[in-house]
Amino acid sequence: MWQQLCTTYNYIMLVWQRRGYLTADEYNYKNQIYQLLIGMNNQKMIVDQQLSDEMMKHLIKMVVKSK
């Protein structure tokens, strides 16, 4: 889904570059896609942090057990 949204967003930006403007619908669609991408990125950062925390917990357990 990330790739599809990025591809669509990039296409809209290419249209804007070539044409020099976006219609109101295109502009709204671009903003909606951008907000989805930001939301997905924020969610990914949360999941990455949770995974990092879990890995650190397991690593600490392994270090404590080895002593």
N, C-alpha and C. Protein backbone atom coordinates (compact mmCIF):
# COMPACT_ATOMS: atom_id res chain seq x y z
N MET A 1 0.82 -1.18 0.00
CA MET A 1 0.00 0.00 0.00
C MET A 1 0.88 1.26 0.00
N TRP A 2 1.97 1.21 0.77
CA TRP A 2 2.90 2.34 0.82
C TRP A 2 3.39 2.68 -0.58
N GLN A 3 3.81 1.66 -1.33
CA GLN A 3 4.33 1.89 -2.68
C GLN A 3 3.26 2.47 -3.60
N GLN A 4 2.05 1.96 -3.50
CA GLN A 4 0.97 2.46 -4.34
C GLN A 4 0.69 3.94 -4.04
N LEU A 5 0.65 4.28 -2.76
CA LEU A 5 0.39 5.67 -2.39
C LEU A 5 1.53 6.58 -2.85
N CYS A 6 2.76 6.12 -2.68
CA CYS A 6 3.91 6.93 -3.12
C CYS A 6 3.89 7.11 -4.64
N THR A 7 3.59 6.05 -5.36
CA THR A 7 3.53 6.13 -6.82
C THR A 7 2.44 7.11 -7.26
N THR A 8 1.28 7.03 -6.64
CA THR A 8 0.20 7.94 -6.99
C THR A 8 0.56 9.38 -6.64
N TYR A 9 1.13 9.58 -5.45
CA TYR A 9 1.54 10.92 -5.04
C TYR A 9 2.57 11.49 -6.00
N ASN A 10 3.56 10.68 -6.36
CA ASN A 10 4.59 11.13 -7.29
C ASN A 10 4.00 11.46 -8.66
N TYR A 11 3.02 10.69 -9.10
CA TYR A 11 2.37 10.95 -10.37
C TYR A 11 1.65 12.31 -10.34
N ILE A 12 0.93 12.56 -9.26
CA ILE A 12 0.22 13.84 -9.13
C ILE A 12 1.23 14.99 -9.12
N MET A 13 2.34 14.81 -8.45
CA MET A 13 3.35 15.87 -8.42
C MET A 13 3.97 16.07 -9.80
N LEU A 14 4.10 15.00 -10.56
CA LEU A 14 4.61 15.11 -11.93
C LEU A 14 3.62 15.88 -12.81
N VAL A 15 2.34 15.58 -12.63
CA VAL A 15 1.30 16.32 -13.37
C VAL A 15 1.40 17.79 -13.04
N TRP A 16 1.55 18.12 -11.76
CA TRP A 16 1.67 19.52 -11.33
C TRP A 16 2.89 20.18 -11.95
N GLN A 17 4.02 19.45 -11.97
CA GLN A 17 5.24 20.00 -12.57
C GLN A 17 5.05 20.29 -14.05
N ARG A 18 4.47 19.35 -14.75
CA ARG A 18 4.32 19.50 -16.20
C ARG A 18 3.25 20.53 -16.59
N ARG A 19 2.13 20.48 -15.87
CA ARG A 19 1.01 21.35 -16.22
C ARG A 19 1.15 22.72 -15.56
N GLY A 20 1.77 22.73 -14.38
CA GLY A 20 1.94 23.99 -13.66
C GLY A 20 0.83 24.27 -12.66
N TYR A 21 -0.17 23.41 -12.60
CA TYR A 21 -1.25 23.59 -11.63
C TYR A 21 -1.96 22.25 -11.42
N LEU A 22 -2.73 22.17 -10.36
CA LEU A 22 -3.59 21.02 -10.10
C LEU A 22 -5.02 21.50 -10.01
N THR A 23 -5.94 20.68 -10.47
CA THR A 23 -7.35 21.01 -10.28
C THR A 23 -7.66 20.88 -8.79
N ALA A 24 -8.80 21.39 -8.38
CA ALA A 24 -9.20 21.31 -6.97
C ALA A 24 -9.29 19.86 -6.51
N ASP A 25 -9.84 19.00 -7.36
CA ASP A 25 -9.93 17.58 -7.00
C ASP A 25 -8.55 16.94 -6.88
N GLU A 26 -7.67 17.25 -7.81
CA GLU A 26 -6.32 16.70 -7.75
C GLU A 26 -5.59 17.19 -6.51
N TYR A 27 -5.76 18.46 -6.19
CA TYR A 27 -5.12 19.04 -5.02
C TYR A 27 -5.62 18.37 -3.74
N ASN A 28 -6.92 18.18 -3.64
CA ASN A 28 -7.49 17.50 -2.46
C ASN A 28 -7.02 16.06 -2.37
N TYR A 29 -6.98 15.38 -3.50
CA TYR A 29 -6.51 14.00 -3.54
C TYR A 29 -5.05 13.91 -3.11
N LYS A 30 -4.23 14.86 -3.59
CA LYS A 30 -2.81 14.90 -3.21
C LYS A 30 -2.68 15.07 -1.70
N ASN A 31 -3.48 15.97 -1.14
CA ASN A 31 -3.41 16.20 0.31
C ASN A 31 -3.86 14.98 1.10
N GLN A 32 -4.89 14.29 0.62
CA GLN A 32 -5.35 13.09 1.31
C GLN A 32 -4.28 12.00 1.29
N ILE A 33 -3.65 11.82 0.14
CA ILE A 33 -2.58 10.83 0.03
C ILE A 33 -1.42 11.20 0.95
N TYR A 34 -1.06 12.49 0.95
CA TYR A 34 0.03 12.96 1.80
C TYR A 34 -0.28 12.68 3.28
N GLN A 35 -1.50 12.95 3.71
CA GLN A 35 -1.89 12.68 5.09
C GLN A 35 -1.83 11.19 5.41
N LEU A 36 -2.24 10.35 4.47
CA LEU A 36 -2.14 8.91 4.66
C LEU A 36 -0.68 8.47 4.80
N LEU A 37 0.18 9.03 3.96
CA LEU A 37 1.60 8.68 4.03
C LEU A 37 2.20 9.11 5.37
N ILE A 38 1.84 10.29 5.84
CA ILE A 38 2.33 10.75 7.14
C ILE A 38 1.84 9.82 8.25
N GLY A 39 0.57 9.47 8.21
CA GLY A 39 0.01 8.57 9.21
C GLY A 39 0.67 7.21 9.19
N MET A 40 0.89 6.68 8.01
CA MET A 40 1.55 5.38 7.90
C MET A 40 2.98 5.45 8.41
N ASN A 41 3.67 6.53 8.10
CA ASN A 41 5.04 6.69 8.56
C ASN A 41 5.09 6.80 10.09
N ASN A 42 4.16 7.55 10.67
CA ASN A 42 4.09 7.67 12.12
C ASN A 42 3.81 6.32 12.77
N GLN A 43 2.92 5.55 12.17
CA GLN A 43 2.60 4.22 12.69
C GLN A 43 3.82 3.31 12.60
N LYS A 44 4.55 3.41 11.50
CA LYS A 44 5.76 2.60 11.33
C LYS A 44 6.79 2.95 12.40
N MET A 45 6.92 4.24 12.70
CA MET A 45 7.88 4.66 13.72
C MET A 45 7.50 4.09 15.08
N ILE A 46 6.21 4.06 15.39
CA ILE A 46 5.74 3.50 16.66
C ILE A 46 6.05 2.01 16.72
N VAL A 47 5.73 1.30 15.65
CA VAL A 47 5.99 -0.15 15.61
C VAL A 47 7.49 -0.43 15.70
N ASP A 48 8.30 0.35 14.98
CA ASP A 48 9.75 0.18 15.04
C ASP A 48 10.26 0.39 16.46
N GLN A 49 9.74 1.39 17.16
CA GLN A 49 10.15 1.66 18.54
C GLN A 49 9.74 0.52 19.45
N GLN A 50 8.53 0.00 19.27
CA GLN A 50 8.07 -1.13 20.08
C GLN A 50 8.93 -2.36 19.85
N LEU A 51 9.28 -2.62 18.59
CA LEU A 51 10.14 -3.76 18.29
C LEU A 51 11.52 -3.57 18.90
N SER A 52 12.03 -2.37 18.81
CA SER A 52 13.34 -2.07 19.40
C SER A 52 13.30 -2.27 20.91
N ASP A 53 12.25 -1.81 21.56
CA ASP A 53 12.10 -1.99 23.00
C ASP A 53 12.06 -3.47 23.37
N GLU A 54 11.29 -4.25 22.60
CA GLU A 54 11.19 -5.69 22.87
C GLU A 54 12.54 -6.38 22.68
N MET A 55 13.25 -6.00 21.62
CA MET A 55 14.57 -6.62 21.39
C MET A 55 15.52 -6.26 22.52
N MET A 56 15.46 -5.03 23.01
CA MET A 56 16.32 -4.61 24.11
C MET A 56 16.00 -5.40 25.37
N LYS A 57 14.72 -5.63 25.65
CA LYS A 57 14.32 -6.42 26.81
C LYS A 57 14.90 -7.82 26.73
N HIS A 58 14.78 -8.44 25.55
CA HIS A 58 15.30 -9.79 25.38
C HIS A 58 16.82 -9.82 25.48
N LEU A 59 17.46 -8.83 24.96
CA LEU A 59 18.91 -8.74 25.04
C LEU A 59 19.35 -8.60 26.49
N ILE A 60 18.66 -7.77 27.24
CA ILE A 60 19.00 -7.60 28.66
C ILE A 60 18.80 -8.91 29.41
N LYS A 61 17.71 -9.63 29.14
CA LYS A 61 17.47 -10.92 29.76
C LYS A 61 18.59 -11.90 29.45
N MET A 62 19.04 -11.90 28.20
CA MET A 62 20.12 -12.81 27.80
C MET A 62 21.41 -12.46 28.54
N VAL A 63 21.70 -11.17 28.67
CA VAL A 63 22.93 -10.74 29.35
C VAL A 63 22.85 -11.11 30.83
N VAL A 64 21.70 -10.89 31.46
CA VAL A 64 21.53 -11.20 32.88
C VAL A 64 21.66 -12.69 33.11
N LYS A 65 21.09 -13.51 32.24
CA LYS A 65 21.16 -14.96 32.37
C LYS A 65 22.58 -15.48 32.19
N SER A 66 23.36 -14.82 31.36
CA SER A 66 24.72 -15.33 31.08
C SER A 66 25.69 -15.04 32.21
N LYS A 67 25.29 -14.20 33.17
CA LYS A 67 26.21 -13.86 34.27
C LYS A 67 26.10 -14.83 35.39
